[in-house]
Amino acid sequence: MNVDIPRPCEQELKKYLDLWDSLDNYVLQEKSLNKLFMGTFPYNTEIEDILIKASALNDFYSTNIFSIFPVAQHILNLDIDKRLKDGDITLVPEIANVEIKGIKKVFYSFATKYCSHHNQLDFPIYDSYVDKVLMYFQKKHKFASFKQNELKDYSKFKEILLKFAEYYGLSNYNLKDIDRYLWQLGKQFFTKKY
């Protein structure tokens, strides 16, 4: 696939943030999740609250967790509220690594999304579109030195996003804005056509 994505800059980012605001389905899904995570059920001390948040997140983001209850129980056992508030990024791999029926699973993208919906400014979201766009610009402009597998190390992932923002003069924008921009680029330029 021959892809040519415009160089990131403030004008491009603003264009995609404006586009995001016009996409009712995504905007309303995000508002619904924000209402759950930051309004109705801001804490993670009751299994029922965690279960409804994890289920909604799994459905809206298609994270493909087929057995959500063990994931919710795992989150409850971690006692995460203070760490979420403090922006403790070591929480992401702890949430991501779950054992279900004796089998170890890694729900990395889900864990980034769960944390981000509690604290959007400290926890950027990882997904395959963001991965593809970061790799594209790393190869094209060498904005940072990293290998693709490092994007699955959450502390490195966040560091790479901050380097991306700095390199392209986007440091005045928060990680949520950067995420929405990168995700839309990925969806536009890397969606498989069937």
Protein backbone atom coordinates (compact mmCIF):
# COMPACT_ATOMS: atom_id res chain seq x y z
CA MET A 1 0.00 0.00 0.00
CA ASN A 2 1.40 3.35 -1.04
CA VAL A 3 0.37 5.89 1.60
CA ASP A 4 1.21 9.59 1.71
CA ILE A 5 -0.02 11.23 4.90
CA PRO A 6 0.41 15.01 5.22
CA ARG A 7 3.15 16.06 7.65
CA PRO A 8 1.74 16.63 11.16
CA CYS A 9 1.35 20.27 12.10
CA GLU A 10 -1.05 22.41 14.06
CA GLN A 11 -3.24 23.05 11.03
CA GLU A 12 -3.57 19.32 10.27
CA LEU A 13 -4.31 18.48 13.90
CA LYS A 14 -6.99 21.20 14.13
CA LYS A 15 -8.56 19.92 10.90
CA TYR A 16 -8.90 16.44 12.37
CA LEU A 17 -10.14 17.70 15.75
CA ASP A 18 -12.85 19.64 13.92
CA LEU A 19 -13.68 16.52 11.92
CA TRP A 20 -13.91 14.51 15.16
CA ASP A 21 -16.44 17.00 16.54
CA SER A 22 -18.63 16.41 13.48
CA LEU A 23 -18.75 12.61 13.90
CA ASP A 24 -21.86 12.16 16.05
CA ASN A 25 -21.43 8.43 16.60
CA TYR A 26 -17.92 8.81 18.06
CA VAL A 27 -18.69 12.00 19.97
CA LEU A 28 -21.81 10.49 21.55
CA GLN A 29 -20.05 7.22 22.39
CA GLU A 30 -17.28 9.19 24.11
CA LYS A 31 -19.81 11.32 25.99
CA SER A 32 -21.61 8.16 27.11
CA LEU A 33 -18.38 6.57 28.31
CA ASN A 34 -17.33 9.78 30.07
CA LYS A 35 -20.69 9.85 31.84
CA LEU A 36 -20.12 6.28 33.03
CA PHE A 37 -16.44 6.62 33.96
CA MET A 38 -16.33 10.13 35.37
CA GLY A 39 -19.93 10.74 36.36
CA THR A 40 -22.10 7.79 37.32
CA PHE A 41 -19.37 5.28 38.27
CA PRO A 42 -16.11 7.17 38.92
CA TYR A 43 -14.73 4.57 41.35
CA ASN A 44 -13.59 1.00 40.98
CA THR A 45 -14.59 -0.44 44.35
CA GLU A 46 -17.79 -2.26 43.29
CA ILE A 47 -17.73 -5.14 40.81
CA GLU A 48 -21.05 -4.02 39.31
CA ASP A 49 -19.64 -0.56 38.46
CA ILE A 50 -16.51 -2.02 36.90
CA LEU A 51 -18.51 -4.60 34.98
CA ILE A 52 -20.79 -2.03 33.35
CA LYS A 53 -17.85 0.25 32.43
CA ALA A 54 -15.74 -2.61 31.07
CA SER A 55 -18.69 -3.99 29.09
CA ALA A 56 -19.51 -0.63 27.52
CA LEU A 57 -15.87 -0.01 26.67
CA ASN A 58 -15.51 -3.49 25.21
CA ASP A 59 -18.60 -2.96 23.06
CA PHE A 60 -17.91 0.59 21.84
CA TYR A 61 -14.26 -0.06 21.08
CA SER A 62 -14.62 -3.66 19.88
CA THR A 63 -11.77 -4.80 22.13
CA ASN A 64 -12.80 -8.45 21.66
CA ILE A 65 -12.84 -9.53 25.28
CA PHE A 66 -15.21 -12.48 25.20
CA SER A 67 -15.34 -13.03 28.95
CA ILE A 68 -15.59 -9.62 30.63
CA PHE A 69 -16.34 -10.76 34.19
CA PRO A 70 -12.80 -12.06 34.96
CA VAL A 71 -11.39 -8.79 33.62
CA ALA A 72 -13.71 -6.76 35.87
CA GLN A 73 -12.82 -8.94 38.86
CA HIS A 74 -9.11 -8.44 38.09
CA ILE A 75 -9.57 -4.65 38.01
CA LEU A 76 -11.44 -4.74 41.31
CA ASN A 77 -8.63 -6.75 42.93
CA LEU A 78 -6.01 -4.22 41.83
CA ASP A 79 -7.50 -1.34 43.88
CA ILE A 80 -6.76 1.23 41.18
CA ASP A 81 -8.52 4.50 42.06
CA LYS A 82 -5.61 6.39 43.65
CA ARG A 83 -3.22 5.20 40.96
CA LEU A 84 -5.60 6.35 38.21
CA LYS A 85 -5.91 9.77 39.80
CA ASP A 86 -2.12 10.01 40.21
CA GLY A 87 -1.52 9.06 36.54
CA ASP A 88 0.49 5.96 37.51
CA ILE A 89 1.21 4.48 34.08
CA THR A 90 2.52 1.23 35.59
CA LEU A 91 -1.17 0.43 36.12
CA VAL A 92 -1.78 -0.23 32.41
CA PRO A 93 0.26 -3.45 32.16
CA GLU A 94 -1.17 -4.63 35.47
CA ILE A 95 -4.72 -4.26 34.15
CA ALA A 96 -3.74 -5.67 30.75
CA ASN A 97 -2.37 -8.97 32.08
CA VAL A 98 -5.29 -11.16 33.09
CA GLU A 99 -5.66 -14.88 33.66
CA ILE A 100 -8.90 -16.38 32.36
CA LYS A 101 -9.57 -20.07 33.02
CA GLY A 102 -5.87 -20.69 33.57
CA ILE A 103 -4.82 -18.95 30.36
CA LYS A 104 -2.79 -15.72 30.49
CA LYS A 105 -4.23 -12.99 28.30
CA VAL A 106 -2.94 -9.52 27.50
CA PHE A 107 -5.61 -6.89 26.84
CA TYR A 108 -3.22 -3.99 26.33
CA SER A 109 -5.42 -1.75 24.18
CA PHE A 110 -8.39 -2.30 26.51
CA ALA A 111 -6.26 -1.41 29.56
CA THR A 112 -5.11 1.87 27.97
CA LYS A 113 -8.71 2.74 27.16
CA TYR A 114 -9.97 1.85 30.64
CA CYS A 115 -7.35 4.02 32.29
CA SER A 116 -7.78 6.83 29.78
CA HIS A 117 -11.49 7.07 30.40
CA HIS A 118 -10.74 7.70 34.05
CA ASN A 119 -7.88 10.15 33.41
CA GLN A 120 -7.67 11.32 29.80
CA LEU A 121 -4.73 13.64 30.21
CA ASP A 122 -2.31 11.14 31.77
CA PHE A 123 -3.28 7.92 29.97
CA PRO A 124 -3.10 8.00 26.15
CA ILE A 125 -4.92 5.28 24.22
CA TYR A 126 -3.04 2.67 22.24
CA ASP A 127 -4.68 0.93 19.32
CA SER A 128 -3.60 -0.55 16.01
CA TYR A 129 -4.36 2.64 14.05
CA VAL A 130 -2.22 4.78 16.33
CA ASP A 131 0.52 2.13 16.08
CA LYS A 132 0.47 2.23 12.26
CA VAL A 133 0.56 6.04 12.09
CA LEU A 134 3.42 6.34 14.59
CA MET A 135 5.42 3.74 12.65
CA TYR A 136 4.68 5.55 9.39
CA PHE A 137 6.01 8.89 10.67
CA GLN A 138 8.94 7.25 12.44
CA LYS A 139 10.02 5.74 9.12
CA LYS A 140 9.27 8.88 7.12
CA HIS A 141 10.71 11.61 9.40
CA LYS A 142 12.60 9.72 12.14
CA PHE A 143 10.88 11.81 14.84
CA ALA A 144 12.13 9.33 17.47
CA SER A 145 14.18 6.18 17.63
CA PHE A 146 12.09 3.15 18.56
CA LYS A 147 11.01 -0.26 17.37
CA GLN A 148 7.39 -1.19 16.81
CA ASN A 149 7.29 -3.61 19.75
CA GLU A 150 8.17 -0.70 22.08
CA LEU A 151 4.71 0.74 21.41
CA LYS A 152 3.38 -2.15 23.52
CA ASP A 153 5.49 -0.97 26.49
CA TYR A 154 3.19 1.66 27.95
CA SER A 155 5.83 3.94 29.47
CA LYS A 156 7.71 3.93 26.15
CA PHE A 157 4.48 4.41 24.22
CA LYS A 158 3.65 7.54 26.20
CA GLU A 159 7.21 8.81 25.81
CA ILE A 160 7.00 8.24 22.03
CA LEU A 161 3.73 10.20 21.85
CA LEU A 162 5.31 13.11 23.72
CA LYS A 163 8.32 13.04 21.36
CA PHE A 164 5.92 12.99 18.41
CA ALA A 165 4.12 16.07 19.76
CA GLU A 166 7.39 17.87 20.42
CA TYR A 167 8.96 17.02 17.05
CA TYR A 168 5.96 18.27 15.08
CA GLY A 169 5.29 21.38 17.21
CA LEU A 170 2.13 20.00 18.81
CA SER A 171 3.19 20.17 22.46
CA ASN A 172 0.46 22.71 23.22
CA TYR A 173 -2.11 19.95 22.67
CA ASN A 174 -2.96 17.31 25.24
CA LEU A 175 -2.58 13.57 24.76
CA LYS A 176 -6.32 13.15 24.12
CA ASP A 177 -6.12 15.60 21.19
CA ILE A 178 -3.05 13.81 19.82
CA ASP A 179 -4.83 10.47 20.19
CA ARG A 180 -7.92 11.64 18.29
CA TYR A 181 -5.72 13.01 15.52
CA LEU A 182 -3.59 9.88 15.16
CA TRP A 183 -6.58 7.54 15.37
CA GLN A 184 -8.40 9.36 12.58
CA LEU A 185 -5.30 9.34 10.39
CA GLY A 186 -4.98 5.61 10.96
CA LYS A 187 -8.62 4.99 10.18
CA GLN A 188 -8.39 7.09 7.02
CA PHE A 189 -5.10 5.78 5.67
CA PHE A 190 -4.79 2.25 7.05
CA THR A 191 -8.31 0.79 7.09
CA LYS A 192 -8.39 -2.41 5.07
CA LYS A 193 -10.62 -2.17 2.03
CA TYR A 194 -12.55 -5.38 1.40
